[in-house]
């Protein structure tokens, strides 16, 4: 679920549609696509801690909640937020034609999952897979399809109170150079190379880098991460994997 009552403005992506920034409300709304990527709201004990990427962005939270539910200020320093994902020095491959994705495979972390097509809810918030299907990923269909020019966005749960670790529980363990394969309805496969994996406080979600337009075919994979806040029933961060279409 997406925990926001704001009104959405559709993100850019397909065929180079311009990003329509509409102020902080839109930034918060799209940032919250990952806020509901958990199923832990009804937990009585903390969930297992998912792997975390080495790179973190955004301001340090002066007081966060440890996995056992205690308040702590002993947090490692975080790096300043980047202007965007790291850029590969290789020539940009030509984009593929538009085709909906069917499965995502990430060999490094043992992911082989079906992809459902998602859009927006009636209130304009971004859809995520239902919790009873937490082992499936979801493609944000108003944006680019994987392999098409633009930023394709795939989201998924990190865990579920009913199922435990979900489809993207180990997403934070990915590193630059790892590969992601996305099978498509037209029978082709778009292969992406990871160039950056970052963890962001949900208050500093990189909305434009994830949902904004791009001339190059890229992939953003999003889930929750960081410390689990038992009081809020959610994780404090979002993990974002940035990947480029392999040449």
Foldseek 3Di string as FASTA:
>chain_A
DFPDLAAEDAFEAPPQDAGDDDPDSRVLQLLSVAFPLEAQLPDPAFADAFAAAPAAEDADDCWDAASRQHIDRPDDGHDYDDPAFDDDPDDFDAFDDAFAWFWKAFPVVGATAGEAEWEADPRRGTDFDDLVPQQHKYWHPVHGHQRGATETEIEGHQAHPVGGGHRCVHVNVDDFQGKMWTAGPVGDIFIWTWRDKYKYFSSDRPSCNHRHTGRGRKYKYKHAHDHQNNVVSGGGIMMITIIGGDD
